[in-house]
Full PDB file with SEQRES, HELIX, SHEET, SSBOND, CRYST1, ORIGX, SCALE, CONECT and MASTER records, all heavy atoms in Angstrom:
SEQRES   1 A   42  ALA ILE ILE MET THR ASP PRO GLN LEU ASN THR PRO MET          
SEQRES   2 A   42  TYR PHE PHE LEU CYS ASN LEU SER PHE ILE ASP LEU PHE          
SEQRES   3 A   42  TYR SER SER VAL ILE ALA PRO LYS ALA MET ILE ASN PHE          
SEQRES   4 A   42  TRP SER GLU                                                  
HELIX    1 AA1 ILE A    2  THR A    5  1                                   4    
HELIX    2 AA2 PRO A    7  LEU A    9  5                                   3    
HELIX    3 AA3 PRO A   12  TRP A   40  1                                  29    
CRYST1    1.000    1.000    1.000  90.00  90.00  90.00 P 1           1          
ORIGX1      1.000000  0.000000  0.000000        0.00000                         
ORIGX2      0.000000  1.000000  0.000000        0.00000                         
ORIGX3      0.000000  0.000000  1.000000        0.00000                         
SCALE1      1.000000  0.000000  0.000000        0.00000                         
SCALE2      0.000000  1.000000  0.000000        0.00000                         
SCALE3      0.000000  0.000000  1.000000        0.00000                         
ATOM      1  N   ALA A   1      49.871-109.596 -91.651  1.00  0.00           N  
ATOM      2  CA  ALA A   1      49.582-110.967 -91.290  1.00  0.00           C  
ATOM      3  C   ALA A   1      48.085-111.272 -91.227  1.00  0.00           C  
ATOM      4  O   ALA A   1      47.695-112.322 -91.624  1.00  0.00           O  
ATOM      5  CB  ALA A   1      50.148-111.202 -89.778  1.00  0.00           C  
ATOM      6  N   ILE A   2      47.291-110.283 -90.700  1.00  0.00           N  
ATOM      7  CA  ILE A   2      45.830-110.474 -90.662  1.00  0.00           C  
ATOM      8  C   ILE A   2      45.321-110.626 -92.090  1.00  0.00           C  
ATOM      9  O   ILE A   2      44.363-111.406 -92.338  1.00  0.00           O  
ATOM     10  CB  ILE A   2      45.184-109.213 -89.893  1.00  0.00           C  
ATOM     11  CG1 ILE A   2      45.609-109.250 -88.460  1.00  0.00           C  
ATOM     12  CG2 ILE A   2      43.696-109.155 -90.079  1.00  0.00           C  
ATOM     13  CD1 ILE A   2      45.184-107.993 -87.715  1.00  0.00           C  
ATOM     14  N   ILE A   3      45.588-109.818 -93.023  1.00  0.00           N  
ATOM     15  CA  ILE A   3      45.069-109.760 -94.276  1.00  0.00           C  
ATOM     16  C   ILE A   3      45.426-111.093 -95.112  1.00  0.00           C  
ATOM     17  O   ILE A   3      44.555-111.600 -95.797  1.00  0.00           O  
ATOM     18  CB  ILE A   3      45.529-108.517 -95.181  1.00  0.00           C  
ATOM     19  CG1 ILE A   3      44.954-107.341 -94.498  1.00  0.00           C  
ATOM     20  CG2 ILE A   3      45.267-108.621 -96.535  1.00  0.00           C  
ATOM     21  CD1 ILE A   3      45.522-105.988 -94.981  1.00  0.00           C  
ATOM     22  N   MET A   4      46.752-111.457 -94.888  1.00  0.00           N  
ATOM     23  CA  MET A   4      47.130-112.646 -95.599  1.00  0.00           C  
ATOM     24  C   MET A   4      46.692-113.920 -95.049  1.00  0.00           C  
ATOM     25  O   MET A   4      46.505-114.963 -95.732  1.00  0.00           O  
ATOM     26  CB  MET A   4      48.697-112.681 -95.649  1.00  0.00           C  
ATOM     27  CG  MET A   4      49.260-111.632 -96.587  1.00  0.00           C  
ATOM     28  SD  MET A   4      51.071-111.780 -96.968  1.00  0.00           S  
ATOM     29  CE  MET A   4      51.682-111.262 -95.255  1.00  0.00           C  
ATOM     30  N   THR A   5      46.216-114.010 -93.701  1.00  0.00           N  
ATOM     31  CA  THR A   5      45.808-115.202 -93.201  1.00  0.00           C  
ATOM     32  C   THR A   5      44.267-115.395 -93.184  1.00  0.00           C  
ATOM     33  O   THR A   5      43.752-116.538 -93.009  1.00  0.00           O  
ATOM     34  CB  THR A   5      46.326-115.383 -91.698  1.00  0.00           C  
ATOM     35  OG1 THR A   5      46.024-114.240 -90.937  1.00  0.00           O  
ATOM     36  CG2 THR A   5      47.822-115.511 -91.680  1.00  0.00           C  
ATOM     37  N   ASP A   6      43.588-114.289 -93.348  1.00  0.00           N  
ATOM     38  CA  ASP A   6      42.095-114.342 -93.223  1.00  0.00           C  
ATOM     39  C   ASP A   6      41.506-114.444 -94.727  1.00  0.00           C  
ATOM     40  O   ASP A   6      41.612-113.451 -95.363  1.00  0.00           O  
ATOM     41  CB  ASP A   6      41.523-113.178 -92.475  1.00  0.00           C  
ATOM     42  CG  ASP A   6      40.042-113.404 -92.094  1.00  0.00           C  
ATOM     43  OD1 ASP A   6      39.266-113.541 -93.062  1.00  0.00           O  
ATOM     44  OD2 ASP A   6      39.740-113.459 -90.909  1.00  0.00           O  
ATOM     45  N   PRO A   7      40.881-115.520 -95.073  1.00  0.00           N  
ATOM     46  CA  PRO A   7      40.312-115.606 -96.405  1.00  0.00           C  
ATOM     47  C   PRO A   7      39.221-114.595 -96.717  1.00  0.00           C  
ATOM     48  O   PRO A   7      38.985-114.210 -97.955  1.00  0.00           O  
ATOM     49  CB  PRO A   7      39.685-117.089 -96.415  1.00  0.00           C  
ATOM     50  CG  PRO A   7      40.436-117.742 -95.408  1.00  0.00           C  
ATOM     51  CD  PRO A   7      40.722-116.720 -94.289  1.00  0.00           C  
ATOM     52  N   GLN A   8      38.525-114.118 -95.760  1.00  0.00           N  
ATOM     53  CA  GLN A   8      37.459-113.194 -95.965  1.00  0.00           C  
ATOM     54  C   GLN A   8      37.956-111.743 -96.325  1.00  0.00           C  
ATOM     55  O   GLN A   8      37.225-110.888 -96.710  1.00  0.00           O  
ATOM     56  CB  GLN A   8      36.504-113.103 -94.623  1.00  0.00           C  
ATOM     57  CG  GLN A   8      35.834-114.449 -94.382  1.00  0.00           C  
ATOM     58  CD  GLN A   8      34.801-114.156 -93.233  1.00  0.00           C  
ATOM     59  OE1 GLN A   8      34.157-113.147 -93.105  1.00  0.00           O  
ATOM     60  NE2 GLN A   8      34.633-115.328 -92.497  1.00  0.00           N  
ATOM     61  N   LEU A   9      39.294-111.571 -96.156  1.00  0.00           N  
ATOM     62  CA  LEU A   9      39.820-110.296 -96.569  1.00  0.00           C  
ATOM     63  C   LEU A   9      40.515-110.402 -97.870  1.00  0.00           C  
ATOM     64  O   LEU A   9      41.271-109.504 -98.195  1.00  0.00           O  
ATOM     65  CB  LEU A   9      40.768-109.843 -95.458  1.00  0.00           C  
ATOM     66  CG  LEU A   9      40.272-109.596 -94.072  1.00  0.00           C  
ATOM     67  CD1 LEU A   9      41.341-109.065 -93.088  1.00  0.00           C  
ATOM     68  CD2 LEU A   9      39.037-108.570 -94.013  1.00  0.00           C  
ATOM     69  N   ASN A  10      40.225-111.357 -98.529  1.00  0.00           N  
ATOM     70  CA  ASN A  10      40.825-111.575 -99.981  1.00  0.00           C  
ATOM     71  C   ASN A  10      39.967-110.784-100.976  1.00  0.00           C  
ATOM     72  O   ASN A  10      39.359-111.351-101.809  1.00  0.00           O  
ATOM     73  CB  ASN A  10      40.893-113.144-100.268  1.00  0.00           C  
ATOM     74  CG  ASN A  10      41.642-113.380-101.559  1.00  0.00           C  
ATOM     75  OD1 ASN A  10      42.384-112.446-101.987  1.00  0.00           O  
ATOM     76  ND2 ASN A  10      41.265-114.570-102.197  1.00  0.00           N  
ATOM     77  N   THR A  11      40.180-109.429-100.832  1.00  0.00           N  
ATOM     78  CA  THR A  11      39.437-108.574-101.757  1.00  0.00           C  
ATOM     79  C   THR A  11      40.341-107.533-102.175  1.00  0.00           C  
ATOM     80  O   THR A  11      41.440-107.297-101.655  1.00  0.00           O  
ATOM     81  CB  THR A  11      38.218-107.766-100.980  1.00  0.00           C  
ATOM     82  OG1 THR A  11      38.809-106.981 -99.940  1.00  0.00           O  
ATOM     83  CG2 THR A  11      37.257-108.927-100.322  1.00  0.00           C  
ATOM     84  N   PRO A  12      39.964-106.715-103.322  1.00  0.00           N  
ATOM     85  CA  PRO A  12      40.857-105.744-103.775  1.00  0.00           C  
ATOM     86  C   PRO A  12      41.278-104.703-102.806  1.00  0.00           C  
ATOM     87  O   PRO A  12      42.445-104.241-102.680  1.00  0.00           O  
ATOM     88  CB  PRO A  12      40.087-105.138-104.973  1.00  0.00           C  
ATOM     89  CG  PRO A  12      39.175-106.166-105.359  1.00  0.00           C  
ATOM     90  CD  PRO A  12      38.822-106.949-104.170  1.00  0.00           C  
ATOM     91  N   MET A  13      40.324-104.298-101.988  1.00  0.00           N  
ATOM     92  CA  MET A  13      40.552-103.223-100.925  1.00  0.00           C  
ATOM     93  C   MET A  13      41.751-103.573 -99.924  1.00  0.00           C  
ATOM     94  O   MET A  13      42.626-102.814 -99.737  1.00  0.00           O  
ATOM     95  CB  MET A  13      39.400-102.867-100.262  1.00  0.00           C  
ATOM     96  CG  MET A  13      39.566-101.927 -99.021  1.00  0.00           C  
ATOM     97  SD  MET A  13      38.015-101.616 -98.177  1.00  0.00           S  
ATOM     98  CE  MET A  13      38.588-100.782 -96.708  1.00  0.00           C  
ATOM     99  N   TYR A  14      41.714-104.941 -99.556  1.00  0.00           N  
ATOM    100  CA  TYR A  14      42.584-105.331 -98.611  1.00  0.00           C  
ATOM    101  C   TYR A  14      43.970-105.849 -99.329  1.00  0.00           C  
ATOM    102  O   TYR A  14      45.081-105.889 -98.749  1.00  0.00           O  
ATOM    103  CB  TYR A  14      42.098-106.589 -97.761  1.00  0.00           C  
ATOM    104  CG  TYR A  14      40.996-106.056 -96.881  1.00  0.00           C  
ATOM    105  CD1 TYR A  14      39.582-106.225 -97.117  1.00  0.00           C  
ATOM    106  CD2 TYR A  14      41.259-105.112 -95.759  1.00  0.00           C  
ATOM    107  CE1 TYR A  14      38.633-105.709 -96.281  1.00  0.00           C  
ATOM    108  CE2 TYR A  14      40.302-104.594 -95.018  1.00  0.00           C  
ATOM    109  CZ  TYR A  14      38.913-104.895 -95.270  1.00  0.00           C  
ATOM    110  OH  TYR A  14      37.969-104.259 -94.599  1.00  0.00           O  
ATOM    111  N   PHE A  15      43.864-106.071-100.643  1.00  0.00           N  
ATOM    112  CA  PHE A  15      45.127-106.342-101.333  1.00  0.00           C  
ATOM    113  C   PHE A  15      45.874-105.023-101.372  1.00  0.00           C  
ATOM    114  O   PHE A  15      47.117-105.048-101.237  1.00  0.00           O  
ATOM    115  CB  PHE A  15      44.660-106.820-102.733  1.00  0.00           C  
ATOM    116  CG  PHE A  15      45.937-106.937-103.732  1.00  0.00           C  
ATOM    117  CD1 PHE A  15      46.848-107.823-103.470  1.00  0.00           C  
ATOM    118  CD2 PHE A  15      45.996-106.102-104.694  1.00  0.00           C  
ATOM    119  CE1 PHE A  15      47.890-108.067-104.302  1.00  0.00           C  
ATOM    120  CE2 PHE A  15      47.117-106.153-105.541  1.00  0.00           C  
ATOM    121  CZ  PHE A  15      48.090-107.096-105.334  1.00  0.00           C  
ATOM    122  N   PHE A  16      45.256-103.957-101.718  1.00  0.00           N  
ATOM    123  CA  PHE A  16      45.851-102.585-101.659  1.00  0.00           C  
ATOM    124  C   PHE A  16      46.426-102.259-100.296  1.00  0.00           C  
ATOM    125  O   PHE A  16      47.498-101.753-100.128  1.00  0.00           O  
ATOM    126  CB  PHE A  16      44.987-101.543-102.152  1.00  0.00           C  
ATOM    127  CG  PHE A  16      44.561-101.642-103.535  1.00  0.00           C  
ATOM    128  CD1 PHE A  16      43.261-101.604-104.069  1.00  0.00           C  
ATOM    129  CD2 PHE A  16      45.520-101.789-104.540  1.00  0.00           C  
ATOM    130  CE1 PHE A  16      42.858-101.647-105.309  1.00  0.00           C  
ATOM    131  CE2 PHE A  16      45.210-101.906-105.965  1.00  0.00           C  
ATOM    132  CZ  PHE A  16      43.922-101.873-106.435  1.00  0.00           C  
ATOM    133  N   LEU A  17      45.599-102.525 -99.276  1.00  0.00           N  
ATOM    134  CA  LEU A  17      46.043-102.189 -97.991  1.00  0.00           C  
ATOM    135  C   LEU A  17      47.212-102.982 -97.463  1.00  0.00           C  
ATOM    136  O   LEU A  17      48.002-102.500 -96.812  1.00  0.00           O  
ATOM    137  CB  LEU A  17      44.771-102.446 -97.014  1.00  0.00           C  
ATOM    138  CG  LEU A  17      45.023-102.184 -95.395  1.00  0.00           C  
ATOM    139  CD1 LEU A  17      45.436-100.686 -95.318  1.00  0.00           C  
ATOM    140  CD2 LEU A  17      43.665-102.361 -94.697  1.00  0.00           C  
ATOM    141  N   CYS A  18      47.296-104.301 -97.791  1.00  0.00           N  
ATOM    142  CA  CYS A  18      48.466-105.060 -97.556  1.00  0.00           C  
ATOM    143  C   CYS A  18      49.654-104.398 -98.218  1.00  0.00           C  
ATOM    144  O   CYS A  18      50.752-104.366 -97.563  1.00  0.00           O  
ATOM    145  CB  CYS A  18      48.244-106.500 -98.114  1.00  0.00           C  
ATOM    146  SG  CYS A  18      49.535-107.614 -97.615  1.00  0.00           S  
ATOM    147  N   ASN A  19      49.567-103.987 -99.359  1.00  0.00           N  
ATOM    148  CA  ASN A  19      50.743-103.340 -99.975  1.00  0.00           C  
ATOM    149  C   ASN A  19      51.083-102.041 -99.333  1.00  0.00           C  
ATOM    150  O   ASN A  19      52.310-101.674 -99.301  1.00  0.00           O  
ATOM    151  CB  ASN A  19      50.357-103.124-101.563  1.00  0.00           C  
ATOM    152  CG  ASN A  19      50.703-104.344-102.401  1.00  0.00           C  
ATOM    153  OD1 ASN A  19      51.835-104.672-102.695  1.00  0.00           O  
ATOM    154  ND2 ASN A  19      49.717-105.114-102.643  1.00  0.00           N  
ATOM    155  N   LEU A  20      50.032-101.295 -98.912  1.00  0.00           N  
ATOM    156  CA  LEU A  20      50.250-100.078 -98.194  1.00  0.00           C  
ATOM    157  C   LEU A  20      51.127-100.242 -96.997  1.00  0.00           C  
ATOM    158  O   LEU A  20      52.102 -99.533 -96.687  1.00  0.00           O  
ATOM    159  CB  LEU A  20      49.000 -99.274 -97.950  1.00  0.00           C  
ATOM    160  CG  LEU A  20      49.105 -98.066 -97.116  1.00  0.00           C  
ATOM    161  CD1 LEU A  20      49.633 -96.959 -98.009  1.00  0.00           C  
ATOM    162  CD2 LEU A  20      47.634 -97.604 -96.688  1.00  0.00           C  
ATOM    163  N   SER A  21      50.730-101.326 -96.193  1.00  0.00           N  
ATOM    164  CA  SER A  21      51.482-101.734 -94.912  1.00  0.00           C  
ATOM    165  C   SER A  21      53.016-102.080 -95.275  1.00  0.00           C  
ATOM    166  O   SER A  21      53.866-101.609 -94.536  1.00  0.00           O  
ATOM    167  CB  SER A  21      50.729-102.876 -94.196  1.00  0.00           C  
ATOM    168  OG  SER A  21      49.554-102.360 -93.636  1.00  0.00           O  
ATOM    169  N   PHE A  22      53.128-102.820 -96.434  1.00  0.00           N  
ATOM    170  CA  PHE A  22      54.467-103.222 -96.838  1.00  0.00           C  
ATOM    171  C   PHE A  22      55.242-101.886 -97.094  1.00  0.00           C  
ATOM    172  O   PHE A  22      56.507-101.924 -96.652  1.00  0.00           O  
ATOM    173  CB  PHE A  22      54.301-104.057 -98.036  1.00  0.00           C  
ATOM    174  CG  PHE A  22      55.724-104.446 -98.689  1.00  0.00           C  
ATOM    175  CD1 PHE A  22      56.480-105.483 -98.114  1.00  0.00           C  
ATOM    176  CD2 PHE A  22      56.211-103.722 -99.795  1.00  0.00           C  
ATOM    177  CE1 PHE A  22      57.691-105.744 -98.672  1.00  0.00           C  
ATOM    178  CE2 PHE A  22      57.405-104.006-100.381  1.00  0.00           C  
ATOM    179  CZ  PHE A  22      58.136-105.102 -99.796  1.00  0.00           C  
ATOM    180  N   ILE A  23      54.667-100.929 -97.906  1.00  0.00           N  
ATOM    181  CA  ILE A  23      55.465 -99.729 -98.229  1.00  0.00           C  
ATOM    182  C   ILE A  23      55.744 -98.913 -96.980  1.00  0.00           C  
ATOM    183  O   ILE A  23      56.870 -98.482 -96.862  1.00  0.00           O  
ATOM    184  CB  ILE A  23      54.668 -98.959 -99.200  1.00  0.00           C  
ATOM    185  CG1 ILE A  23      54.634 -99.622-100.579  1.00  0.00           C  
ATOM    186  CG2 ILE A  23      55.120 -97.515 -99.307  1.00  0.00           C  
ATOM    187  CD1 ILE A  23      53.491 -99.094-101.530  1.00  0.00           C  
ATOM    188  N   ASP A  24      54.706 -98.709 -96.068  1.00  0.00           N  
ATOM    189  CA  ASP A  24      55.003 -98.045 -94.797  1.00  0.00           C  
ATOM    190  C   ASP A  24      56.093 -98.691 -93.967  1.00  0.00           C  
ATOM    191  O   ASP A  24      56.949 -97.899 -93.447  1.00  0.00           O  
ATOM    192  CB  ASP A  24      53.764 -97.954 -94.002  1.00  0.00           C  
ATOM    193  CG  ASP A  24      52.802 -97.017 -94.610  1.00  0.00           C  
ATOM    194  OD1 ASP A  24      53.129 -96.034 -95.283  1.00  0.00           O  
ATOM    195  OD2 ASP A  24      51.474 -97.059 -94.132  1.00  0.00           O  
ATOM    196  N   LEU A  25      56.129 -99.905 -93.894  1.00  0.00           N  
ATOM    197  CA  LEU A  25      57.179-100.635 -93.121  1.00  0.00           C  
ATOM    198  C   LEU A  25      58.426-100.397 -93.714  1.00  0.00           C  
ATOM    199  O   LEU A  25      59.414-100.147 -92.913  1.00  0.00           O  
ATOM    200  CB  LEU A  25      56.793-102.149 -93.154  1.00  0.00           C  
ATOM    201  CG  LEU A  25      57.783-103.083 -92.500  1.00  0.00           C  
ATOM    202  CD1 LEU A  25      57.814-102.834 -90.963  1.00  0.00           C  
ATOM    203  CD2 LEU A  25      57.338-104.439 -92.731  1.00  0.00           C  
ATOM    204  N   PHE A  26      58.660-100.482 -94.955  1.00  0.00           N  
ATOM    205  CA  PHE A  26      59.925-100.291 -95.467  1.00  0.00           C  
ATOM    206  C   PHE A  26      60.519 -98.969 -95.562  1.00  0.00           C  
ATOM    207  O   PHE A  26      61.662 -98.748 -95.486  1.00  0.00           O  
ATOM    208  CB  PHE A  26      60.026-100.999 -96.836  1.00  0.00           C  
ATOM    209  CG  PHE A  26      60.302-102.447 -96.713  1.00  0.00           C  
ATOM    210  CD1 PHE A  26      59.231-103.498 -96.601  1.00  0.00           C  
ATOM    211  CD2 PHE A  26      61.606-103.030 -96.768  1.00  0.00           C  
ATOM    212  CE1 PHE A  26      59.602-104.816 -96.413  1.00  0.00           C  
ATOM    213  CE2 PHE A  26      61.839-104.444 -96.656  1.00  0.00           C  
ATOM    214  CZ  PHE A  26      60.880-105.222 -96.444  1.00  0.00           C  
ATOM    215  N   TYR A  27      59.636 -98.009 -95.979  1.00  0.00           N  
ATOM    216  CA  TYR A  27      60.240 -96.590 -96.120  1.00  0.00           C  
ATOM    217  C   TYR A  27      60.535 -95.995 -94.716  1.00  0.00           C  
ATOM    218  O   TYR A  27      61.428 -95.198 -94.545  1.00  0.00           O  
ATOM    219  CB  TYR A  27      59.408 -95.743 -96.949  1.00  0.00           C  
ATOM    220  CG  TYR A  27      58.300 -94.948 -96.466  1.00  0.00           C  
ATOM    221  CD1 TYR A  27      58.372 -93.905 -95.587  1.00  0.00           C  
ATOM    222  CD2 TYR A  27      56.921 -95.171 -96.877  1.00  0.00           C  
ATOM    223  CE1 TYR A  27      57.302 -93.191 -95.034  1.00  0.00           C  
ATOM    224  CE2 TYR A  27      55.832 -94.508 -96.525  1.00  0.00           C  
ATOM    225  CZ  TYR A  27      56.009 -93.454 -95.543  1.00  0.00           C  
ATOM    226  OH  TYR A  27      55.008 -92.830 -95.231  1.00  0.00           O  
ATOM    227  N   SER A  28      59.791 -96.538 -93.699  1.00  0.00           N  
ATOM    228  CA  SER A  28      60.176 -95.986 -92.307  1.00  0.00           C  
ATOM    229  C   SER A  28      61.534 -96.755 -91.878  1.00  0.00           C  
ATOM    230  O   SER A  28      62.388 -96.207 -91.202  1.00  0.00           O  
ATOM    231  CB  SER A  28      59.064 -96.317 -91.352  1.00  0.00           C  
ATOM    232  OG  SER A  28      58.779 -97.778 -91.322  1.00  0.00           O  
ATOM    233  N   SER A  29      61.738 -97.938 -92.397  1.00  0.00           N  
ATOM    234  CA  SER A  29      62.890 -98.741 -92.059  1.00  0.00           C  
ATOM    235  C   SER A  29      64.118 -98.168 -92.757  1.00  0.00           C  
ATOM    236  O   SER A  29      65.246 -98.406 -92.349  1.00  0.00           O  
ATOM    237  CB  SER A  29      62.757-100.258 -92.461  1.00  0.00           C  
ATOM    238  OG  SER A  29      61.708-100.852 -91.645  1.00  0.00           O  
ATOM    239  N   VAL A  30      63.972 -97.415 -93.904  1.00  0.00           N  
ATOM    240  CA  VAL A  30      65.056 -96.742 -94.554  1.00  0.00           C  
ATOM    241  C   VAL A  30      65.549 -95.655 -93.583  1.00  0.00           C  
ATOM    242  O   VAL A  30      66.782 -95.432 -93.694  1.00  0.00           O  
ATOM    243  CB  VAL A  30      64.565 -96.184 -95.919  1.00  0.00           C  
ATOM    244  CG1 VAL A  30      65.592 -95.376 -96.514  1.00  0.00           C  
ATOM    245  CG2 VAL A  30      64.225 -97.374 -96.811  1.00  0.00           C  
ATOM    246  N   ILE A  31      64.662 -95.007 -92.832  1.00  0.00           N  
ATOM    247  CA  ILE A  31      65.102 -93.815 -92.097  1.00  0.00           C  
ATOM    248  C   ILE A  31      65.382 -94.124 -90.689  1.00  0.00           C  
ATOM    249  O   ILE A  31      66.429 -93.648 -90.128  1.00  0.00           O  
ATOM    250  CB  ILE A  31      63.996 -92.722 -92.136  1.00  0.00           C  
ATOM    251  CG1 ILE A  31      63.534 -92.491 -93.684  1.00  0.00           C  
ATOM    252  CG2 ILE A  31      64.338 -91.463 -91.408  1.00  0.00           C  
ATOM    253  CD1 ILE A  31      64.626 -91.964 -94.478  1.00  0.00           C  
ATOM    254  N   ALA A  32      64.453 -94.824 -89.995  1.00  0.00           N  
ATOM    255  CA  ALA A  32      64.557 -94.908 -88.569  1.00  0.00           C  
ATOM    256  C   ALA A  32      65.750 -95.531 -87.948  1.00  0.00           C  
ATOM    257  O   ALA A  32      66.456 -94.950 -86.981  1.00  0.00           O  
ATOM    258  CB  ALA A  32      63.318 -95.616 -87.930  1.00  0.00           C  
ATOM    259  N   PRO A  33      66.199 -96.658 -88.366  1.00  0.00           N  
ATOM    260  CA  PRO A  33      67.402 -97.337 -87.729  1.00  0.00           C  
ATOM    261  C   PRO A  33      68.730 -96.466 -87.850  1.00  0.00           C  
ATOM    262  O   PRO A  33      69.364 -96.330 -86.803  1.00  0.00           O  
ATOM    263  CB  PRO A  33      67.585 -98.597 -88.498  1.00  0.00           C  
ATOM    264  CG  PRO A  33      66.323 -98.905 -89.089  1.00  0.00           C  
ATOM    265  CD  PRO A  33      65.644 -97.655 -89.408  1.00  0.00           C  
ATOM    266  N   LYS A  34      68.951 -95.853 -88.978  1.00  0.00           N  
ATOM    267  CA  LYS A  34      70.112 -94.951 -89.007  1.00  0.00           C  
ATOM    268  C   LYS A  34      69.940 -93.672 -88.111  1.00  0.00           C  
ATOM    269  O   LYS A  34      71.027 -93.249 -87.527  1.00  0.00           O  
ATOM    270  CB  LYS A  34      70.307 -94.503 -90.507  1.00  0.00           C  
ATOM    271  CG  LYS A  34      71.465 -93.684 -90.774  1.00  0.00           C  
ATOM    272  CD  LYS A  34      72.770 -94.318 -90.333  1.00  0.00           C  
ATOM    273  CE  LYS A  34      73.966 -93.421 -90.604  1.00  0.00           C  
ATOM    274  NZ  LYS A  34      75.271 -94.101 -90.114  1.00  0.00           N  
ATOM    275  N   ALA A  35      68.789 -93.127 -88.053  1.00  0.00           N  
ATOM    276  CA  ALA A  35      68.504 -91.945 -87.143  1.00  0.00           C  
ATOM    277  C   ALA A  35      68.766 -92.390 -85.719  1.00  0.00           C  
ATOM    278  O   ALA A  35      69.419 -91.574 -84.884  1.00  0.00           O  
ATOM    279  CB  ALA A  35      67.164 -91.375 -87.470  1.00  0.00           C  
ATOM    280  N   MET A  36      68.341 -93.521 -85.335  1.00  0.00           N  
ATOM    281  CA  MET A  36      68.550 -93.925 -83.883  1.00  0.00           C  
ATOM    282  C   MET A  36      70.015 -94.226 -83.713  1.00  0.00           C  
ATOM    283  O   MET A  36      70.544 -93.928 -82.551  1.00  0.00           O  
ATOM    284  CB  MET A  36      67.644 -95.284 -83.570  1.00  0.00           C  
ATOM    285  CG  MET A  36      66.267 -94.822 -83.540  1.00  0.00           C  
ATOM    286  SD  MET A  36      65.262 -96.360 -82.917  1.00  0.00           S  
ATOM    287  CE  MET A  36      65.294 -97.454 -84.428  1.00  0.00           C  
ATOM    288  N   ILE A  37      70.722 -94.826 -84.599  1.00  0.00           N  
ATOM    289  CA  ILE A  37      72.169 -95.004 -84.384  1.00  0.00           C  
ATOM    290  C   ILE A  37      72.950 -93.776 -84.209  1.00  0.00           C  
ATOM    291  O   ILE A  37      73.782 -93.695 -83.405  1.00  0.00           O  
ATOM    292  CB  ILE A  37      72.648 -95.882 -85.575  1.00  0.00           C  
ATOM    293  CG1 ILE A  37      72.092 -97.331 -85.682  1.00  0.00           C  
ATOM    294  CG2 ILE A  37      74.316 -95.781 -85.644  1.00  0.00           C  
ATOM    295  CD1 ILE A  37      72.474 -98.079 -86.877  1.00  0.00           C  
ATOM    296  N   ASN A  38      72.523 -92.756 -84.992  1.00  0.00           N  
ATOM    297  CA  ASN A  38      73.243 -91.448 -84.823  1.00  0.00           C  
ATOM    298  C   ASN A  38      72.984 -90.740 -83.595  1.00  0.00           C  
ATOM    299  O   ASN A  38      73.695 -89.803 -83.310  1.00  0.00           O  
ATOM    300  CB  ASN A  38      72.696 -90.604 -86.101  1.00  0.00           C  
ATOM    301  CG  ASN A  38      73.475 -90.947 -87.381  1.00  0.00           C  
ATOM    302  OD1 ASN A  38      74.394 -91.646 -87.345  1.00  0.00           O  
ATOM    303  ND2 ASN A  38      72.938 -90.394 -88.475  1.00  0.00           N  
ATOM    304  N   PHE A  39      71.860 -91.137 -82.797  1.00  0.00           N  
ATOM    305  CA  PHE A  39      71.750 -90.399 -81.496  1.00  0.00           C  
ATOM    306  C   PHE A  39      72.941 -90.852 -80.564  1.00  0.00           C  
ATOM    307  O   PHE A  39      73.228 -90.128 -79.575  1.00  0.00           O  
ATOM    308  CB  PHE A  39      70.372 -90.825 -80.926  1.00  0.00           C  
ATOM    309  CG  PHE A  39      69.225 -90.121 -81.545  1.00  0.00           C  
ATOM    310  CD1 PHE A  39      68.102 -90.806 -81.965  1.00  0.00           C  
ATOM    311  CD2 PHE A  39      69.243 -88.706 -81.523  1.00  0.00           C  
ATOM    312  CE1 PHE A  39      66.994 -90.176 -82.554  1.00  0.00           C  
ATOM    313  CE2 PHE A  39      68.103 -88.027 -82.150  1.00  0.00           C  
ATOM    314  CZ  PHE A  39      67.006 -88.762 -82.715  1.00  0.00           C  
ATOM    315  N   TRP A  40      73.439 -91.964 -80.888  1.00  0.00           N  
ATOM    316  CA  TRP A  40      74.564 -92.513 -79.970  1.00  0.00           C  
ATOM    317  C   TRP A  40      75.836 -92.408 -80.493  1.00  0.00           C  
ATOM    318  O   TRP A  40      76.968 -92.581 -80.014  1.00  0.00           O  
ATOM    319  CB  TRP A  40      74.259 -93.934 -79.623  1.00  0.00           C  
ATOM    320  CG  TRP A  40      72.986 -94.136 -78.868  1.00  0.00           C  
ATOM    321  CD1 TRP A  40      71.851 -94.707 -79.428  1.00  0.00           C  
ATOM    322  CD2 TRP A  40      72.788 -93.875 -77.534  1.00  0.00           C  
ATOM    323  NE1 TRP A  40      70.890 -94.647 -78.486  1.00  0.00           N  
ATOM    324  CE2 TRP A  40      71.406 -94.105 -77.245  1.00  0.00           C  
ATOM    325  CE3 TRP A  40      73.403 -93.254 -76.422  1.00  0.00           C  
ATOM    326  CZ2 TRP A  40      70.744 -94.019 -76.010  1.00  0.00           C  
ATOM    327  CZ3 TRP A  40      72.862 -93.072 -75.235  1.00  0.00           C  
ATOM    328  CH2 TRP A  40      71.542 -93.398 -75.026  1.00  0.00           C  
ATOM    329  N   SER A  41      75.959 -92.103 -82.002  1.00  0.00           N  
ATOM    330  CA  SER A  41      77.206 -91.939 -82.613  1.00  0.00           C  
ATOM    331  C   SER A  41      77.886 -90.597 -82.439  1.00  0.00           C  
ATOM    332  O   SER A  41      77.313 -89.499 -82.439  1.00  0.00           O  
ATOM    333  CB  SER A  41      76.999 -92.205 -84.109  1.00  0.00           C  
ATOM    334  OG  SER A  41      78.138 -92.055 -84.847  1.00  0.00           O  
ATOM    335  N   GLU A  42      79.126 -90.706 -82.323  1.00  0.00           N  
ATOM    336  CA  GLU A  42      79.973 -89.424 -82.207  1.00  0.00           C  
ATOM    337  C   GLU A  42      80.095 -88.769 -83.648  1.00  0.00           C  
ATOM    338  O   GLU A  42      79.965 -87.509 -83.850  1.00  0.00           O  
ATOM    339  CB  GLU A  42      81.259 -89.654 -81.638  1.00  0.00           C  
ATOM    340  CG  GLU A  42      81.326 -90.053 -80.256  1.00  0.00           C  
ATOM    341  CD  GLU A  42      81.024 -88.871 -79.249  1.00  0.00           C  
ATOM    342  OE1 GLU A  42      81.205 -87.721 -79.705  1.00  0.00           O  
ATOM    343  OE2 GLU A  42      80.338 -89.075 -78.151  1.00  0.00           O  
TER     344      GLU A  42                                                      
MASTER        0    0    0    3    0    0    0    6  343    1    0    4          
END                                                                             
C-alpha cells in the first residue's frame, strides 16, 4: 500500500520490493490457514 500510493517510491527498487511483498503474502497464505485449521481438526 505504501509503495503503490507514494509517487516518490515509483522506482525499480520499490517495484521489485512490492512484488516481493506480494510473493511473501501469498506463499505464506498457501501454508498458514490450513496449518491453523489442523490444530483444531480431528
